[in-house]
Amino acid sequence: MINALRGMKDTLSPESKIYLHIINTCTKIAQNYGFSFIETPILEETALFKRSVGESSDIVGKEMYQFTDKGGNDVCLRPEGTAGVVRAFVQEKYDKAGGIRRFFYHGPMFRYERPQKGRLRQFHQFGAETFGEASVKEDASIILMLCEMFKALGIGFTLEINSLGCPSCMPSYRTGLVHFLDTLEGLCEDCERRKLTNPIRVLDCKNVTCKGLLHNAPLLVNHLCENCALDFDVLKTTLNRFGISYTINSKLVRGLDYYSKTAFEFVSSEIGAQSAIAGGGRYDRLVEFLDGNSTPGVGFAMGIERLMELVKMPESSREGYYIGALCDEALDIVFDLVIKKRKSDKVLGSYEAKSLKNHLKLADKNYVKFCVCLGEDELKQKSVWVKNLETKEETIIKIEDF
């Protein structure tokens, strides 16, 4: 027997119903905020992620499904969604057209890491990206959109925010941070590597020893330039005005190299150690990194598998019809009724004659509202027998009326 690969799984009912509920709920809210759907390829050039996500990131360094295709191209399965959306934005020359563009997406991502609860090698994300809007009010708007999504899904959360600064305030902070890191002994191998490539990523280390060593590390939020400090104040003020609770996590740097200024993360305490359920921030230089004109950007992504552990589906009511034949002579008419009725309703049908008891069992198992049957008597009367499985009421209806 051939099984699914390790870290990859099938999504079947009832989990698939939860998956669709999350996608449909988030899609409606994103559209209300002015975002339009974009679908990007699952397979991209490896260079796209090396230049955007950053070669110092764990994703590029350790986790990408990378290979050479039959044409000799260096390609990989997408590990995240933002880079592909930016690539499409530049490829369509939207960066030259100007204006504001908003996109949302959902689909599978791939990272080769140790599978664990809430973290698969093939996982799914829902995300959104805004291009061309430099105002920090857009950052706040995206956070408010996420709050609305989680409220609609019945998911509790805490919000953490931080500012990662900009090219004006980052260099001096980086120098101070590297000086501090050089005084430490006992950093893990990853942190020693990050210290040389992207030292701010050291603050994101999950190693317990490193966390202790970094307790007194200088914080970027205390070294922001005037513009970054002002934007961060506006973000906090806006969230306060809308009653959104948050905490400032000065060591929140996100796992990707392209972020600057606003960074945020939504956290749940209900799914164990992997508590982040969504995160994002601003990336005003990413379009330039991918050969486009200077264009501000901000966005987020949420892990759907993690949300599925938290979503409690609303109790569903019975819906639709089950139509079955009580004798072979009624099979063709039943098939015709099923096809016609499906133009307006959800309809299940049976291709073989069964007893009324068996039809009722199947109708109840599929949680339909009406069980409809045709037997010899109904054929003679050109009618159908209908039972409402909620009220238990039984009626006879002419076929043309049905």
Protein backbone atom coordinates (compact mmCIF):
# COMPACT_ATOMS: atom_id res chain seq x y z
CA MET A 1 0.00 0.00 0.00
CA ILE A 2 1.29 3.49 -0.91
CA ASN A 3 0.81 6.06 1.85
CA ALA A 4 1.07 9.84 1.83
CA LEU A 5 4.61 11.15 2.34
CA ARG A 6 5.72 12.01 5.86
CA GLY A 7 4.58 15.48 6.81
CA MET A 8 1.90 15.56 4.13
CA LYS A 9 -1.70 14.57 4.69
CA ASP A 10 -5.08 14.27 3.08
CA THR A 11 -7.89 16.56 4.21
CA LEU A 12 -11.20 14.72 4.33
CA SER A 13 -14.60 15.50 5.83
CA PRO A 14 -15.27 16.68 8.50
CA GLU A 15 -11.87 18.48 8.50
CA SER A 16 -12.39 19.57 4.89
CA LYS A 17 -15.58 21.35 5.94
CA ILE A 18 -13.59 23.32 8.52
CA TYR A 19 -10.95 24.11 5.89
CA LEU A 20 -13.55 25.50 3.47
CA HIS A 21 -15.26 27.40 6.28
CA ILE A 22 -11.98 29.18 7.09
CA ILE A 23 -11.25 29.97 3.43
CA ASN A 24 -14.78 31.22 2.72
CA THR A 25 -14.95 33.33 5.89
CA CYS A 26 -11.56 34.97 5.32
CA THR A 27 -12.26 35.49 1.61
CA LYS A 28 -15.47 37.41 2.30
CA ILE A 29 -13.81 39.67 4.86
CA ALA A 30 -10.75 40.29 2.62
CA GLN A 31 -13.06 41.27 -0.24
CA ASN A 32 -14.89 43.67 2.09
CA TYR A 33 -11.51 45.33 2.72
CA GLY A 34 -10.90 45.78 -1.02
CA PHE A 35 -8.60 42.81 -1.69
CA SER A 36 -8.89 40.77 -4.91
CA PHE A 37 -7.83 37.14 -5.35
CA ILE A 38 -4.48 36.21 -6.87
CA GLU A 39 -3.22 32.70 -7.67
CA THR A 40 0.54 32.25 -8.14
CA PRO A 41 2.40 29.09 -9.25
CA ILE A 42 3.42 26.52 -6.66
CA LEU A 43 6.75 26.08 -8.47
CA GLU A 44 9.07 29.09 -8.78
CA GLU A 45 12.73 29.82 -9.52
CA THR A 46 14.83 29.24 -6.41
CA ALA A 47 16.43 32.66 -6.89
CA LEU A 48 13.09 34.31 -6.08
CA PHE A 49 13.21 33.12 -2.49
CA LYS A 50 16.94 33.54 -2.02
CA ARG A 51 16.61 37.21 -2.95
CA SER A 52 13.38 37.90 -1.05
CA VAL A 53 13.22 35.64 2.00
CA GLY A 54 17.00 35.93 2.40
CA GLU A 55 19.81 33.38 2.34
CA SER A 56 20.32 33.86 6.10
CA SER A 57 16.81 32.59 6.86
CA ASP A 58 16.16 29.02 7.99
CA ILE A 59 13.68 28.64 5.12
CA VAL A 60 16.32 29.16 2.43
CA GLY A 61 19.18 27.64 4.38
CA LYS A 62 17.49 24.43 5.50
CA GLU A 63 13.88 23.95 4.52
CA MET A 64 13.23 24.49 0.80
CA TYR A 65 12.15 21.69 -1.53
CA GLN A 66 14.74 22.62 -4.15
CA PHE A 67 15.71 20.65 -7.26
CA THR A 68 16.84 20.92 -10.89
CA ASP A 69 14.02 20.26 -13.36
CA LYS A 70 14.33 18.46 -16.72
CA GLY A 71 15.19 21.75 -18.41
CA GLY A 72 18.13 22.32 -16.09
CA ASN A 73 16.35 25.10 -14.15
CA ASP A 74 16.98 25.59 -10.43
CA VAL A 75 13.45 25.55 -9.02
CA CYS A 76 11.67 24.97 -5.72
CA LEU A 77 8.22 24.47 -4.27
CA ARG A 78 7.11 27.77 -2.75
CA PRO A 79 7.87 27.93 1.00
CA GLU A 80 5.75 31.07 1.52
CA GLY A 81 3.34 33.25 -0.45
CA THR A 82 4.54 36.85 -0.36
CA ALA A 83 7.54 36.50 -2.70
CA GLY A 84 5.41 35.00 -5.49
CA VAL A 85 2.84 37.77 -5.20
CA VAL A 86 5.59 40.41 -5.38
CA ARG A 87 7.09 38.64 -8.41
CA ALA A 88 3.69 38.72 -10.14
CA PHE A 89 3.27 42.40 -9.19
CA VAL A 90 6.58 43.29 -10.83
CA GLN A 91 6.07 40.97 -13.82
CA GLU A 92 2.73 42.64 -14.61
CA LYS A 93 4.48 46.07 -14.37
CA TYR A 94 2.09 47.24 -11.65
CA ASP A 95 5.11 48.85 -9.97
CA LYS A 96 5.43 51.19 -12.96
CA ALA A 97 1.70 51.87 -13.25
CA GLY A 98 1.49 53.29 -9.71
CA GLY A 99 -1.61 53.33 -7.55
CA ILE A 100 -2.59 50.96 -4.74
CA ARG A 101 -3.09 47.22 -5.31
CA ARG A 102 -4.46 44.75 -2.79
CA PHE A 103 -4.35 40.97 -3.22
CA PHE A 104 -5.29 37.94 -1.15
CA TYR A 105 -4.30 34.34 -1.77
CA HIS A 106 -4.60 30.87 -0.29
CA GLY A 107 -3.01 27.54 -1.09
CA PRO A 108 -0.29 25.00 -0.25
CA MET A 109 3.26 25.88 0.84
CA PHE A 110 6.19 23.48 1.33
CA ARG A 111 9.00 23.37 3.88
CA TYR A 112 11.19 20.39 4.66
CA GLU A 113 11.27 20.41 8.45
CA ARG A 114 10.48 17.95 11.21
CA PRO A 115 6.71 17.33 11.17
CA GLN A 116 4.93 18.09 14.43
CA LYS A 117 1.54 19.21 15.64
CA GLY A 118 0.39 22.22 13.64
CA ARG A 119 3.44 22.08 11.37
CA LEU A 120 3.48 19.94 8.21
CA ARG A 121 5.83 19.76 5.25
CA GLN A 122 2.91 20.62 3.00
CA PHE A 123 0.78 23.18 4.77
CA HIS A 124 -1.69 25.83 3.70
CA GLN A 125 -1.77 29.58 4.19
CA PHE A 126 -4.24 32.39 3.70
CA GLY A 127 -2.52 35.72 3.15
CA ALA A 128 -2.97 39.26 1.89
CA GLU A 129 -0.61 41.90 0.50
CA THR A 130 -1.01 45.65 -0.12
CA PHE A 131 1.29 47.52 -2.54
CA GLY A 132 1.66 51.27 -3.02
CA GLU A 133 0.36 52.43 0.37
CA ALA A 134 3.08 53.85 2.63
CA SER A 135 0.79 54.97 5.47
CA VAL A 136 1.02 53.03 8.71
CA LYS A 137 -2.79 53.23 8.75
CA GLU A 138 -2.70 50.39 6.18
CA ASP A 139 -0.70 48.32 8.67
CA ALA A 140 -3.39 49.00 11.24
CA SER A 141 -6.15 48.20 8.73
CA ILE A 142 -4.62 44.79 7.98
CA ILE A 143 -4.35 44.04 11.70
CA LEU A 144 -8.01 45.05 12.14
CA MET A 145 -8.93 42.78 9.21
CA LEU A 146 -7.20 39.86 10.90
CA CYS A 147 -8.99 40.62 14.17
CA GLU A 148 -12.30 40.53 12.30
CA MET A 149 -11.40 37.19 10.68
CA PHE A 150 -10.53 35.58 14.00
CA LYS A 151 -13.67 36.95 15.60
CA ALA A 152 -15.79 35.53 12.76
CA LEU A 153 -14.07 32.15 13.20
CA GLY A 154 -14.51 32.20 16.97
CA ILE A 155 -10.76 32.12 17.67
CA GLY A 156 -9.26 33.81 20.72
CA PHE A 157 -5.85 35.44 20.37
CA THR A 158 -3.31 37.86 21.76
CA LEU A 159 -1.56 40.36 19.50
CA GLU A 160 2.15 41.19 19.68
CA ILE A 161 3.66 44.13 17.79
CA ASN A 162 7.11 45.60 17.25
CA SER A 163 8.97 47.97 14.94
CA LEU A 164 12.00 46.71 13.03
CA GLY A 165 13.14 50.17 11.95
CA CYS A 166 14.31 51.21 8.50
CA PRO A 167 17.61 51.75 6.62
CA SER A 168 18.06 55.02 8.55
CA CYS A 169 18.04 53.52 12.04
CA MET A 170 19.05 49.90 11.38
CA PRO A 171 22.82 50.32 10.69
CA SER A 172 23.68 51.93 14.04
CA TYR A 173 21.50 49.43 15.90
CA ARG A 174 23.07 46.53 14.02
CA THR A 175 26.55 47.74 15.02
CA GLY A 176 25.51 47.91 18.68
CA LEU A 177 23.84 44.50 18.55
CA VAL A 178 26.89 42.82 16.96
CA HIS A 179 29.11 44.39 19.63
CA PHE A 180 26.83 42.92 22.32
CA LEU A 181 26.74 39.48 20.63
CA ASP A 182 30.53 39.41 20.43
CA THR A 183 30.64 39.52 24.23
CA LEU A 184 28.53 36.36 24.56
CA GLU A 185 29.77 32.80 24.81
CA GLY A 186 27.58 29.75 24.25
CA LEU A 187 25.34 30.90 21.39
CA CYS A 188 24.00 28.05 19.27
CA GLU A 189 25.47 27.26 15.86
CA ASP A 190 22.58 28.98 14.04
CA CYS A 191 23.05 32.20 16.03
CA GLU A 192 26.79 32.22 15.35
CA ARG A 193 25.97 32.02 11.65
CA ARG A 194 23.21 34.66 11.86
CA LYS A 195 25.57 36.98 13.75
CA LEU A 196 27.61 37.26 10.56
CA THR A 197 24.75 37.37 8.02
CA ASN A 198 21.72 39.01 9.67
CA PRO A 199 22.33 39.61 13.39
CA ILE A 200 18.80 40.84 14.15
CA ARG A 201 17.57 37.28 13.45
CA VAL A 202 19.47 36.14 16.55
CA LEU A 203 16.71 37.75 18.62
CA ASP A 204 14.26 35.24 17.11
CA CYS A 205 16.19 32.17 18.31
CA LYS A 206 14.05 29.56 20.11
CA ASN A 207 17.04 27.91 21.82
CA VAL A 208 16.58 28.14 25.62
CA THR A 209 20.27 28.89 26.25
CA CYS A 210 20.30 31.65 23.65
CA LYS A 211 17.14 33.18 25.07
CA GLY A 212 18.85 33.48 28.45
CA LEU A 213 21.99 34.99 26.95
CA LEU A 214 19.95 37.52 24.94
CA HIS A 215 17.92 38.73 27.92
CA ASN A 216 19.82 42.05 28.09
CA ALA A 217 20.32 42.52 24.34
CA PRO A 218 19.80 46.08 23.03
CA LEU A 219 16.31 46.53 21.59
CA LEU A 220 15.62 48.13 18.24
CA VAL A 221 12.44 49.77 19.52
CA ASN A 222 14.69 51.95 21.70
CA HIS A 223 16.83 53.02 18.72
CA LEU A 224 14.19 54.03 16.15
CA CYS A 225 14.67 57.08 13.98
CA GLU A 226 12.13 59.90 14.23
CA ASN A 227 9.97 58.66 11.33
CA CYS A 228 9.86 55.04 12.52
CA ALA A 229 9.08 56.11 16.08
CA LEU A 230 6.24 58.31 14.81
CA ASP A 231 4.78 55.49 12.68
CA PHE A 232 4.93 53.09 15.63
CA ASP A 233 3.13 55.64 17.83
CA VAL A 234 0.41 56.07 15.17
CA LEU A 235 -0.01 52.29 14.97
CA LYS A 236 -0.43 52.00 18.74
CA THR A 237 -2.82 54.95 18.86
CA THR A 238 -4.96 53.52 16.06
CA LEU A 239 -5.19 50.08 17.68
CA ASN A 240 -6.10 51.73 21.00
CA ARG A 241 -8.85 53.74 19.32
CA PHE A 242 -10.47 50.57 18.00
CA GLY A 243 -10.15 48.73 21.29
CA ILE A 244 -7.54 46.22 20.05
CA SER A 245 -5.43 44.90 22.92
CA TYR A 246 -1.75 44.26 22.20
CA THR A 247 1.62 43.82 23.83
CA ILE A 248 4.93 45.19 22.57
CA ASN A 249 7.34 42.31 22.03
CA SER A 250 10.70 43.99 21.47
CA LYS A 251 12.30 40.72 20.33
CA LEU A 252 9.65 40.01 17.67
CA VAL A 253 11.59 40.09 14.39
CA ARG A 254 9.64 37.56 12.24
CA GLY A 255 11.38 34.72 10.41
CA LEU A 256 11.92 36.38 7.02
CA ASP A 257 14.60 38.88 6.07
CA TYR A 258 12.43 41.28 4.08
CA TYR A 259 10.48 42.91 6.93
CA SER A 260 11.04 46.50 8.10
CA LYS A 261 9.12 48.89 10.35
CA THR A 262 5.87 47.23 11.54
CA ALA A 263 6.00 43.57 12.57
CA PHE A 264 3.11 41.76 14.23
CA GLU A 265 2.11 38.29 15.32
CA PHE A 266 -1.19 36.79 16.47
CA VAL A 267 -0.73 34.12 19.12
CA SER A 268 -3.00 31.42 20.54
CA SER A 269 -2.39 29.65 23.86
CA GLU A 270 -4.57 26.72 22.81
CA ILE A 271 -2.21 24.87 20.42
CA GLY A 272 0.90 24.26 22.49
CA ALA A 273 4.41 25.47 21.72
CA GLN A 274 3.65 26.41 18.11
CA SER A 275 1.46 29.26 19.23
CA ALA A 276 1.70 31.71 16.30
CA ILE A 277 -1.43 31.56 14.14
CA ALA A 278 -0.74 34.58 11.89
CA GLY A 279 1.96 37.13 11.36
CA GLY A 280 3.20 39.79 9.03
CA GLY A 281 4.38 43.33 8.70
CA ARG A 282 5.78 45.94 6.36
CA TYR A 283 8.35 45.29 3.60
CA ASP A 284 8.92 48.61 1.80
CA ARG A 285 12.09 47.45 -0.04
CA LEU A 286 11.04 43.98 -1.21
CA VAL A 287 9.72 45.13 -4.61
CA GLU A 288 13.11 46.76 -5.26
CA PHE A 289 14.92 43.54 -4.22
CA LEU A 290 13.00 41.80 -7.01
CA ASP A 291 13.94 44.40 -9.67
CA GLY A 292 10.81 46.54 -9.43
CA ASN A 293 10.40 50.25 -8.85
CA SER A 294 10.41 51.40 -5.24
CA THR A 295 6.97 50.45 -3.89
CA PRO A 296 5.87 50.21 -0.24
CA GLY A 297 4.25 46.93 0.82
CA VAL A 298 2.63 45.34 3.85
CA GLY A 299 0.91 42.01 4.37
CA PHE A 300 0.32 38.91 6.46
CA ALA A 301 -0.07 35.14 6.29
CA MET A 302 -1.94 32.73 8.54
CA GLY A 303 -1.47 28.98 8.90
CA ILE A 304 -4.74 27.25 8.07
CA GLU A 305 -3.84 23.90 9.69
CA ARG A 306 -3.23 25.68 12.99
CA LEU A 307 -6.54 27.50 12.71
CA MET A 308 -8.34 24.23 12.01
CA GLU A 309 -7.39 23.04 15.50
CA LEU A 310 -9.13 26.09 16.98
CA VAL A 311 -12.23 26.60 14.84
CA LYS A 312 -15.49 25.28 16.18
CA MET A 313 -17.90 24.89 13.29
CA PRO A 314 -21.35 26.40 13.79
CA GLU A 315 -23.94 23.70 14.34
CA SER A 316 -25.31 22.91 10.91
CA SER A 317 -28.98 22.34 10.13
CA ARG A 318 -30.31 19.70 7.78
CA GLU A 319 -30.37 20.79 4.16
CA GLY A 320 -31.20 19.41 0.75
CA TYR A 321 -32.91 16.30 -0.57
CA TYR A 322 -32.31 12.58 -0.85
CA ILE A 323 -34.29 10.95 -3.69
CA GLY A 324 -34.58 7.19 -4.05
CA ALA A 325 -36.55 4.50 -5.92
CA LEU A 326 -38.55 1.77 -4.22
CA CYS A 327 -38.74 -0.32 -7.42
CA ASP A 328 -36.64 -0.72 -10.57
CA GLU A 329 -39.34 0.89 -12.74
CA ALA A 330 -38.88 4.19 -10.89
CA LEU A 331 -35.06 4.43 -11.34
CA ASP A 332 -35.11 6.51 -14.54
CA ILE A 333 -37.65 8.99 -13.15
CA VAL A 334 -35.63 9.28 -9.93
CA PHE A 335 -32.48 10.04 -11.93
CA ASP A 336 -34.32 12.71 -13.95
CA LEU A 337 -35.69 14.30 -10.76
CA VAL A 338 -32.24 14.36 -9.16
CA ILE A 339 -30.69 16.14 -12.15
CA LYS A 340 -33.51 18.71 -12.44
CA LYS A 341 -33.71 19.40 -8.70
CA ARG A 342 -29.94 20.03 -8.51
CA LYS A 343 -30.43 23.23 -10.52
CA SER A 344 -31.79 24.84 -7.35
CA ASP A 345 -30.93 22.59 -4.37
CA LYS A 346 -28.41 20.19 -2.90
CA VAL A 347 -29.61 16.72 -3.94
CA LEU A 348 -28.31 13.19 -3.32
CA GLY A 349 -29.70 10.23 -5.23
CA SER A 350 -29.49 6.45 -5.30
CA TYR A 351 -28.90 4.42 -8.47
CA GLU A 352 -30.59 1.28 -7.23
CA ALA A 353 -33.96 0.40 -5.79
CA LYS A 354 -34.04 -0.07 -2.00
CA SER A 355 -36.58 -0.49 0.75
CA LEU A 356 -38.05 2.64 2.32
CA LYS A 357 -36.21 1.82 5.54
CA ASN A 358 -32.82 1.76 3.79
CA HIS A 359 -33.51 5.00 1.93
CA LEU A 360 -34.46 6.71 5.19
CA LYS A 361 -31.25 5.46 6.81
CA LEU A 362 -29.13 6.88 3.98
CA ALA A 363 -31.01 10.18 4.01
CA ASP A 364 -30.50 10.51 7.76
CA LYS A 365 -26.82 9.55 7.50
CA ASN A 366 -26.26 12.33 4.95
CA TYR A 367 -28.12 14.81 7.17
CA VAL A 368 -30.55 15.97 4.47
CA LYS A 369 -33.81 17.67 5.31
CA PHE A 370 -36.13 15.78 2.96
CA CYS A 371 -36.27 12.11 2.00
CA VAL A 372 -38.15 11.63 -1.29
CA CYS A 373 -39.17 8.19 -2.60
CA LEU A 374 -41.00 6.76 -5.63
CA GLY A 375 -42.54 3.30 -5.71
CA GLU A 376 -45.23 1.53 -7.71
CA ASP A 377 -48.05 3.50 -6.09
CA GLU A 378 -46.31 6.84 -6.70
CA LEU A 379 -45.70 5.93 -10.34
CA LYS A 380 -49.38 5.24 -10.85
CA GLN A 381 -50.33 8.56 -9.21
CA LYS A 382 -47.46 10.48 -10.88
CA SER A 383 -46.40 11.69 -7.45
CA VAL A 384 -43.59 11.43 -4.89
CA TRP A 385 -43.59 10.57 -1.20
CA VAL A 386 -41.78 13.20 0.89
CA LYS A 387 -40.73 13.07 4.54
CA ASN A 388 -39.37 16.09 6.40
CA LEU A 389 -36.66 14.56 8.61
CA GLU A 390 -36.75 17.53 10.99
CA THR A 391 -40.49 17.67 11.65
CA LYS A 392 -41.19 14.00 10.70
CA GLU A 393 -44.12 15.24 8.57
CA GLU A 394 -45.00 13.05 5.55
CA THR A 395 -46.72 14.28 2.38
CA ILE A 396 -47.58 13.18 -1.16
CA ILE A 397 -46.73 15.73 -3.89
CA LYS A 398 -47.41 15.61 -7.63
CA ILE A 399 -44.19 15.16 -9.61
CA GLU A 400 -44.74 18.36 -11.61
CA ASP A 401 -45.26 20.33 -8.38
CA PHE A 402 -42.16 18.80 -6.81
